[in-house]
Amino acid sequence: TEYEPDAKVSTPIAGYSGPAKQIFICETEPMNQFCGKSGYGPGTGQYWDQAWTKGTLCSGSVSPTASPSWDAAMMIDGCPGAR
């Protein structure tokens, strides 16, 4: 999978069985080219922190909108595309 710079994904939180997920943000160019590579999985790969930034927590899912907005300072009710 290829990711654009600043692409956001959500993943389950290790050791937590509730609905909240962790958001990760793909780095800017040129590091975004590693976001979809083996060993660089968000929060799990050996080198994940070189390609991803840990964001906030979220739960649920985000409905598509014509003009999405994002406030990374708050936990939101919906998660970006799950990984």
N, C-alpha and C. Protein backbone atom coordinates (compact mmCIF):
# COMPACT_ATOMS: atom_id res chain seq x y z
N THR A 1 0.84 -1.19 0.00
CA THR A 1 0.00 0.00 0.00
C THR A 1 0.88 1.24 0.00
N GLU A 2 0.55 2.19 -0.85
CA GLU A 2 1.26 3.47 -0.85
C GLU A 2 0.45 4.48 -0.07
N TYR A 3 1.14 5.33 0.68
CA TYR A 3 0.48 6.35 1.49
C TYR A 3 0.97 7.73 1.09
N GLU A 4 0.05 8.66 1.00
CA GLU A 4 0.40 10.05 0.76
C GLU A 4 0.99 10.64 2.04
N PRO A 5 1.80 11.69 1.94
CA PRO A 5 2.27 12.36 3.15
C PRO A 5 1.07 12.79 4.00
N ASP A 6 1.17 12.64 5.30
CA ASP A 6 0.15 13.01 6.28
C ASP A 6 -1.10 12.12 6.24
N ALA A 7 -1.05 10.98 5.52
CA ALA A 7 -2.17 10.04 5.53
C ALA A 7 -2.34 9.52 6.96
N LYS A 8 -3.59 9.29 7.36
CA LYS A 8 -3.89 8.82 8.71
C LYS A 8 -4.53 7.45 8.64
N VAL A 9 -4.09 6.56 9.54
CA VAL A 9 -4.69 5.24 9.69
C VAL A 9 -4.93 5.00 11.17
N SER A 10 -5.84 4.09 11.47
CA SER A 10 -6.08 3.73 12.86
C SER A 10 -5.83 2.24 13.03
N THR A 11 -5.29 1.86 14.18
CA THR A 11 -4.99 0.46 14.47
C THR A 11 -5.49 0.13 15.87
N PRO A 12 -5.81 -1.15 16.11
CA PRO A 12 -6.18 -1.54 17.47
C PRO A 12 -5.03 -1.24 18.44
N ILE A 13 -5.37 -0.97 19.68
CA ILE A 13 -4.37 -0.69 20.70
C ILE A 13 -3.95 -2.01 21.34
N ALA A 14 -2.67 -2.29 21.33
CA ALA A 14 -2.15 -3.55 21.89
C ALA A 14 -2.57 -3.69 23.35
N GLY A 15 -3.11 -4.85 23.69
CA GLY A 15 -3.50 -5.14 25.06
C GLY A 15 -4.80 -4.50 25.51
N TYR A 16 -5.53 -3.85 24.59
CA TYR A 16 -6.78 -3.18 24.93
C TYR A 16 -7.89 -3.75 24.06
N SER A 17 -8.97 -4.18 24.70
CA SER A 17 -10.05 -4.81 23.93
C SER A 17 -11.25 -3.89 23.71
N GLY A 18 -11.17 -2.64 24.15
CA GLY A 18 -12.26 -1.69 23.97
C GLY A 18 -12.33 -1.15 22.56
N PRO A 19 -13.24 -0.23 22.33
CA PRO A 19 -13.45 0.29 20.97
C PRO A 19 -12.42 1.33 20.51
N ALA A 20 -11.65 1.88 21.41
CA ALA A 20 -10.69 2.93 21.03
C ALA A 20 -9.57 2.35 20.16
N LYS A 21 -9.08 3.17 19.24
CA LYS A 21 -7.97 2.80 18.38
C LYS A 21 -6.93 3.91 18.43
N GLN A 22 -5.72 3.57 18.02
CA GLN A 22 -4.62 4.53 17.95
C GLN A 22 -4.51 5.04 16.53
N ILE A 23 -4.39 6.35 16.38
CA ILE A 23 -4.19 6.95 15.05
C ILE A 23 -2.70 7.13 14.81
N PHE A 24 -2.26 6.81 13.60
CA PHE A 24 -0.89 7.04 13.16
C PHE A 24 -0.92 7.88 11.90
N ILE A 25 0.05 8.78 11.77
CA ILE A 25 0.11 9.72 10.64
C ILE A 25 1.40 9.45 9.87
N CYS A 26 1.26 9.19 8.58
CA CYS A 26 2.41 8.94 7.72
C CYS A 26 3.25 10.22 7.62
N GLU A 27 4.56 10.06 7.68
CA GLU A 27 5.48 11.20 7.62
C GLU A 27 5.39 11.92 6.26
N THR A 28 5.97 13.09 6.21
CA THR A 28 6.04 13.86 4.97
C THR A 28 7.12 13.28 4.06
N GLU A 29 7.16 13.77 2.82
CA GLU A 29 8.16 13.31 1.87
C GLU A 29 9.56 13.61 2.39
N PRO A 30 10.52 12.80 2.16
CA PRO A 30 10.49 11.58 1.37
C PRO A 30 10.17 10.34 2.20
N MET A 31 10.01 10.47 3.53
CA MET A 31 9.82 9.29 4.39
C MET A 31 8.49 8.60 4.16
N ASN A 32 7.50 9.28 3.56
CA ASN A 32 6.20 8.64 3.33
C ASN A 32 6.32 7.41 2.44
N GLN A 33 7.39 7.33 1.63
CA GLN A 33 7.55 6.17 0.76
C GLN A 33 7.74 4.86 1.53
N PHE A 34 8.05 4.95 2.84
CA PHE A 34 8.24 3.75 3.64
C PHE A 34 6.99 3.32 4.40
N CYS A 35 5.97 4.15 4.45
CA CYS A 35 4.79 3.87 5.27
C CYS A 35 4.11 2.54 4.94
N GLY A 36 4.16 2.09 3.72
CA GLY A 36 3.52 0.83 3.34
C GLY A 36 4.48 -0.34 3.20
N LYS A 37 5.72 -0.15 3.58
CA LYS A 37 6.73 -1.20 3.40
C LYS A 37 6.82 -2.11 4.62
N SER A 38 7.29 -3.33 4.38
CA SER A 38 7.52 -4.30 5.45
C SER A 38 8.51 -3.73 6.46
N GLY A 39 8.22 -3.92 7.75
CA GLY A 39 9.10 -3.41 8.80
C GLY A 39 8.76 -2.00 9.25
N TYR A 40 7.83 -1.34 8.54
CA TYR A 40 7.46 0.04 8.84
C TYR A 40 5.98 0.16 9.20
N GLY A 41 5.33 -0.93 9.57
CA GLY A 41 3.90 -0.89 9.92
C GLY A 41 3.65 0.07 11.07
N PRO A 42 2.56 0.82 11.02
CA PRO A 42 2.30 1.83 12.06
C PRO A 42 2.20 1.22 13.46
N GLY A 43 3.17 1.56 14.29
CA GLY A 43 3.19 1.10 15.68
C GLY A 43 3.67 -0.32 15.88
N THR A 44 3.96 -1.05 14.80
CA THR A 44 4.31 -2.46 14.97
C THR A 44 5.62 -2.85 14.30
N GLY A 45 5.98 -2.26 13.22
CA GLY A 45 7.19 -2.65 12.50
C GLY A 45 8.44 -2.22 13.25
N GLN A 46 9.54 -2.84 12.91
CA GLN A 46 10.81 -2.54 13.56
C GLN A 46 11.20 -1.07 13.39
N TYR A 47 10.85 -0.48 12.27
CA TYR A 47 11.24 0.90 11.97
C TYR A 47 10.04 1.85 11.89
N TRP A 48 8.91 1.48 12.48
CA TRP A 48 7.67 2.25 12.30
C TRP A 48 7.84 3.71 12.63
N ASP A 49 8.63 4.04 13.66
CA ASP A 49 8.73 5.43 14.10
C ASP A 49 9.52 6.31 13.13
N GLN A 50 10.14 5.71 12.13
CA GLN A 50 10.81 6.50 11.09
C GLN A 50 9.84 6.92 9.99
N ALA A 51 8.72 6.20 9.89
CA ALA A 51 7.76 6.48 8.82
C ALA A 51 6.43 7.04 9.33
N TRP A 52 6.13 6.84 10.62
CA TRP A 52 4.84 7.23 11.19
C TRP A 52 5.02 8.05 12.45
N THR A 53 4.05 8.92 12.72
CA THR A 53 3.97 9.66 13.97
C THR A 53 2.72 9.18 14.70
N LYS A 54 2.87 8.91 16.00
CA LYS A 54 1.71 8.48 16.78
C LYS A 54 0.80 9.68 17.01
N GLY A 55 -0.47 9.52 16.67
CA GLY A 55 -1.45 10.59 16.84
C GLY A 55 -2.29 10.37 18.09
N THR A 56 -3.53 10.78 18.03
CA THR A 56 -4.44 10.67 19.16
C THR A 56 -5.21 9.36 19.10
N LEU A 57 -6.17 9.19 20.01
CA LEU A 57 -7.03 8.02 20.02
C LEU A 57 -8.35 8.36 19.35
N CYS A 58 -9.05 7.32 18.89
CA CYS A 58 -10.35 7.51 18.27
C CYS A 58 -11.20 6.29 18.53
N SER A 59 -12.48 6.37 18.20
CA SER A 59 -13.36 5.21 18.27
C SER A 59 -14.42 5.34 17.19
N GLY A 60 -14.98 4.21 16.75
CA GLY A 60 -15.99 4.24 15.70
C GLY A 60 -15.36 4.39 14.34
N SER A 61 -16.11 4.99 13.41
CA SER A 61 -15.61 5.22 12.07
C SER A 61 -16.06 6.58 11.60
N VAL A 62 -15.36 7.10 10.63
CA VAL A 62 -15.65 8.41 10.07
C VAL A 62 -16.52 8.23 8.83
N SER A 63 -17.62 8.95 8.76
CA SER A 63 -18.44 8.93 7.55
C SER A 63 -17.81 9.82 6.50
N PRO A 64 -17.89 9.42 5.23
CA PRO A 64 -17.34 10.27 4.17
C PRO A 64 -18.04 11.63 4.14
N THR A 65 -17.28 12.66 3.89
CA THR A 65 -17.83 14.01 3.78
C THR A 65 -17.24 14.67 2.55
N ALA A 66 -17.93 15.69 2.05
CA ALA A 66 -17.42 16.42 0.89
C ALA A 66 -16.20 17.24 1.24
N SER A 67 -16.12 17.72 2.48
CA SER A 67 -15.00 18.54 2.91
C SER A 67 -14.59 18.14 4.32
N PRO A 68 -13.80 17.05 4.44
CA PRO A 68 -13.44 16.57 5.78
C PRO A 68 -12.57 17.57 6.53
N SER A 69 -12.69 17.54 7.84
CA SER A 69 -11.82 18.35 8.68
C SER A 69 -11.27 17.45 9.77
N TRP A 70 -10.18 17.87 10.39
CA TRP A 70 -9.50 17.03 11.36
C TRP A 70 -8.94 17.88 12.47
N ASP A 71 -9.21 17.49 13.70
CA ASP A 71 -8.63 18.17 14.86
C ASP A 71 -7.83 17.14 15.62
N ALA A 72 -6.52 17.10 15.38
CA ALA A 72 -5.66 16.08 15.98
C ALA A 72 -5.49 16.25 17.48
N ALA A 73 -5.91 17.37 18.04
CA ALA A 73 -5.74 17.62 19.47
C ALA A 73 -6.82 16.95 20.30
N MET A 74 -7.83 16.39 19.66
CA MET A 74 -8.94 15.82 20.40
C MET A 74 -9.19 14.37 19.99
N MET A 75 -9.69 13.56 20.94
CA MET A 75 -10.15 12.23 20.57
C MET A 75 -11.48 12.45 19.86
N ILE A 76 -11.64 11.83 18.72
CA ILE A 76 -12.85 12.05 17.94
C ILE A 76 -13.73 10.81 17.99
N ASP A 77 -14.95 10.92 17.51
CA ASP A 77 -15.87 9.80 17.53
C ASP A 77 -15.63 8.81 16.40
N GLY A 78 -14.85 9.17 15.42
CA GLY A 78 -14.61 8.27 14.31
C GLY A 78 -13.15 8.13 14.01
N CYS A 79 -12.77 6.98 13.47
CA CYS A 79 -11.39 6.70 13.13
C CYS A 79 -11.17 6.79 11.63
N PRO A 80 -10.00 7.25 11.21
CA PRO A 80 -9.67 7.19 9.79
C PRO A 80 -9.51 5.75 9.36
N GLY A 81 -9.32 5.51 8.10
CA GLY A 81 -9.24 4.16 7.56
C GLY A 81 -8.45 3.21 8.42
N ALA A 82 -9.07 2.14 8.82
CA ALA A 82 -8.41 1.16 9.68
C ALA A 82 -7.35 0.42 8.89
N ARG A 83 -6.30 0.03 9.55
CA ARG A 83 -5.22 -0.72 8.91
C ARG A 83 -5.25 -2.11 9.45
